[in-house]
Amino acid sequence: MQGSKLYVGNLNYTITAEELVTLFSEHGTVINANIIEGKGFGFVEMSNQSEAEEAKKKLDGSFLKGRAMRVNEARSRKNRYGHGRRAARR
């Protein structure tokens, strides 16, 4: 893992950013947390890479409000679609 920003997916739609801060703070210092409303995912930024790795290890697959969370290293926008560009739609 190279960064300290984590993607948190498969969230219950009632989860708040404050709840993510509380949960992830058990594994280190949370710099920022945000939820993408109506999408069931969000992002948590930890203060350093080792804290992010620890949180990922402990929380990936754990249950929060009845759903198993997916915690992974967040990918940069340019790497999500391959080589910095969106694939052409056909």
C-alpha atoms as a PDB file:
ATOM      1  CA  MET A   1       0.000   0.000   0.000  1.00  0.00           C
ATOM      2  CA  GLN A   2       1.403   3.370  -1.000  1.00  0.00           C
ATOM      3  CA  GLY A   3      -1.025   5.954   0.336  1.00  0.00           C
ATOM      4  CA  SER A   4      -2.962   6.878   3.415  1.00  0.00           C
ATOM      5  CA  LYS A   5      -6.353   7.377   1.736  1.00  0.00           C
ATOM      6  CA  LEU A   6      -8.814   4.494   1.903  1.00  0.00           C
ATOM      7  CA  TYR A   7     -11.901   3.647  -0.124  1.00  0.00           C
ATOM      8  CA  VAL A   8     -14.691   2.317   2.119  1.00  0.00           C
ATOM      9  CA  GLY A   9     -17.450   0.540   0.209  1.00  0.00           C
ATOM     10  CA  ASN A  10     -20.612  -1.467   0.725  1.00  0.00           C
ATOM     11  CA  LEU A  11     -21.776   0.957   3.400  1.00  0.00           C
ATOM     12  CA  ASN A  12     -25.263   1.167   4.790  1.00  0.00           C
ATOM     13  CA  TYR A  13     -26.848   4.353   3.386  1.00  0.00           C
ATOM     14  CA  THR A  14     -27.438   5.666   6.915  1.00  0.00           C
ATOM     15  CA  ILE A  15     -23.713   5.797   7.800  1.00  0.00           C
ATOM     16  CA  THR A  16     -22.339   9.293   8.433  1.00  0.00           C
ATOM     17  CA  ALA A  17     -18.831  10.672   8.025  1.00  0.00           C
ATOM     18  CA  GLU A  18     -18.708  11.137  11.802  1.00  0.00           C
ATOM     19  CA  GLU A  19     -19.357   7.414  12.302  1.00  0.00           C
ATOM     20  CA  LEU A  20     -16.490   6.581   9.941  1.00  0.00           C
ATOM     21  CA  VAL A  21     -14.194   8.927  11.874  1.00  0.00           C
ATOM     22  CA  THR A  22     -15.133   7.220  15.148  1.00  0.00           C
ATOM     23  CA  LEU A  23     -14.606   3.731  13.726  1.00  0.00           C
ATOM     24  CA  PHE A  24     -11.323   4.437  11.930  1.00  0.00           C
ATOM     25  CA  SER A  25      -9.936   6.481  14.848  1.00  0.00           C
ATOM     26  CA  GLU A  26      -9.573   3.203  16.734  1.00  0.00           C
ATOM     27  CA  HIS A  27      -6.720   2.417  14.324  1.00  0.00           C
ATOM     28  CA  GLY A  28      -4.979   5.802  14.072  1.00  0.00           C
ATOM     29  CA  THR A  29      -5.503   9.478  13.408  1.00  0.00           C
ATOM     30  CA  VAL A  30      -8.166  10.322  10.849  1.00  0.00           C
ATOM     31  CA  ILE A  31      -7.377  13.417   8.782  1.00  0.00           C
ATOM     32  CA  ASN A  32     -10.615  13.435   6.797  1.00  0.00           C
ATOM     33  CA  ALA A  33     -13.655  11.269   6.128  1.00  0.00           C
ATOM     34  CA  ASN A  34     -16.446  11.789   3.650  1.00  0.00           C
ATOM     35  CA  ILE A  35     -19.430   9.839   2.384  1.00  0.00           C
ATOM     36  CA  ILE A  36     -20.662   9.967  -1.192  1.00  0.00           C
ATOM     37  CA  GLU A  37     -24.384  10.407  -0.524  1.00  0.00           C
ATOM     38  CA  GLY A  38     -26.716   7.873  -2.056  1.00  0.00           C
ATOM     39  CA  LYS A  39     -23.856   5.699  -3.329  1.00  0.00           C
ATOM     40  CA  GLY A  40     -22.943   3.532  -0.331  1.00  0.00           C
ATOM     41  CA  PHE A  41     -19.262   4.390  -0.254  1.00  0.00           C
ATOM     42  CA  GLY A  42     -16.854   6.969   1.047  1.00  0.00           C
ATOM     43  CA  PHE A  43     -13.232   7.782   1.736  1.00  0.00           C
ATOM     44  CA  VAL A  44     -11.130   7.996   4.877  1.00  0.00           C
ATOM     45  CA  GLU A  45      -7.711   9.613   4.989  1.00  0.00           C
ATOM     46  CA  MET A  46      -5.423   8.474   7.778  1.00  0.00           C
ATOM     47  CA  SER A  47      -2.407  10.450   9.027  1.00  0.00           C
ATOM     48  CA  ASN A  48       0.110   7.977   7.602  1.00  0.00           C
ATOM     49  CA  GLN A  49       0.457   4.851   5.512  1.00  0.00           C
ATOM     50  CA  SER A  50       1.016   2.422   8.383  1.00  0.00           C
ATOM     51  CA  GLU A  51      -2.199   3.537  10.116  1.00  0.00           C
ATOM     52  CA  ALA A  52      -4.091   3.150   6.837  1.00  0.00           C
ATOM     53  CA  GLU A  53      -2.699  -0.368   6.402  1.00  0.00           C
ATOM     54  CA  GLU A  54      -3.686  -1.298   9.957  1.00  0.00           C
ATOM     55  CA  ALA A  55      -7.222   0.051   9.506  1.00  0.00           C
ATOM     56  CA  LYS A  56      -7.582  -1.803   6.201  1.00  0.00           C
ATOM     57  CA  LYS A  57      -6.367  -5.046   7.744  1.00  0.00           C
ATOM     58  CA  LYS A  58      -8.703  -4.801  10.739  1.00  0.00           C
ATOM     59  CA  LEU A  59     -11.830  -3.374   9.090  1.00  0.00           C
ATOM     60  CA  ASP A  60     -12.039  -4.934   5.608  1.00  0.00           C
ATOM     61  CA  GLY A  61     -14.902  -7.430   5.724  1.00  0.00           C
ATOM     62  CA  SER A  62     -16.104  -6.333   9.165  1.00  0.00           C
ATOM     63  CA  PHE A  63     -19.776  -5.568   9.668  1.00  0.00           C
ATOM     64  CA  LEU A  64     -21.138  -2.081  10.237  1.00  0.00           C
ATOM     65  CA  LYS A  65     -24.893  -1.632  10.513  1.00  0.00           C
ATOM     66  CA  GLY A  66     -25.548  -5.025   8.941  1.00  0.00           C
ATOM     67  CA  ARG A  67     -23.218  -4.751   5.942  1.00  0.00           C
ATOM     68  CA  ALA A  68     -19.722  -6.127   5.384  1.00  0.00           C
ATOM     69  CA  MET A  69     -17.495  -3.162   4.570  1.00  0.00           C
ATOM     70  CA  ARG A  70     -14.923  -3.250   1.814  1.00  0.00           C
ATOM     71  CA  VAL A  71     -11.809  -1.278   2.699  1.00  0.00           C
ATOM     72  CA  ASN A  72      -9.110  -0.786   0.071  1.00  0.00           C
ATOM     73  CA  GLU A  73      -6.475   1.737  -0.828  1.00  0.00           C
ATOM     74  CA  ALA A  74      -8.151   4.563  -2.734  1.00  0.00           C
ATOM     75  CA  ARG A  75      -7.070   4.810  -6.354  1.00  0.00           C
ATOM     76  CA  SER A  76      -6.278   8.192  -7.844  1.00  0.00           C
ATOM     77  CA  ARG A  77      -8.750   9.510 -10.383  1.00  0.00           C
ATOM     78  CA  LYS A  78      -6.250   9.165 -13.216  1.00  0.00           C
ATOM     79  CA  ASN A  79      -5.704   5.466 -12.458  1.00  0.00           C
ATOM     80  CA  ARG A  80      -9.362   4.465 -12.294  1.00  0.00           C
ATOM     81  CA  TYR A  81      -9.930   4.426 -16.037  1.00  0.00           C
ATOM     82  CA  GLY A  82      -6.480   3.443 -17.237  1.00  0.00           C
ATOM     83  CA  HIS A  83      -3.710   5.771 -18.378  1.00  0.00           C
ATOM     84  CA  GLY A  84      -5.437   8.950 -17.234  1.00  0.00           C
ATOM     85  CA  ARG A  85      -8.304   8.858 -19.742  1.00  0.00           C
ATOM     86  CA  ARG A  86     -11.750   7.418 -19.753  1.00  0.00           C
ATOM     87  CA  ALA A  87     -12.280   4.574 -22.143  1.00  0.00           C
ATOM     88  CA  ALA A  88     -14.077   5.644 -25.283  1.00  0.00           C
ATOM     89  CA  ARG A  89     -17.760   4.809 -25.264  1.00  0.00           C
ATOM     90  CA  ARG A  90     -18.969   2.843 -28.241  1.00  0.00           C
END
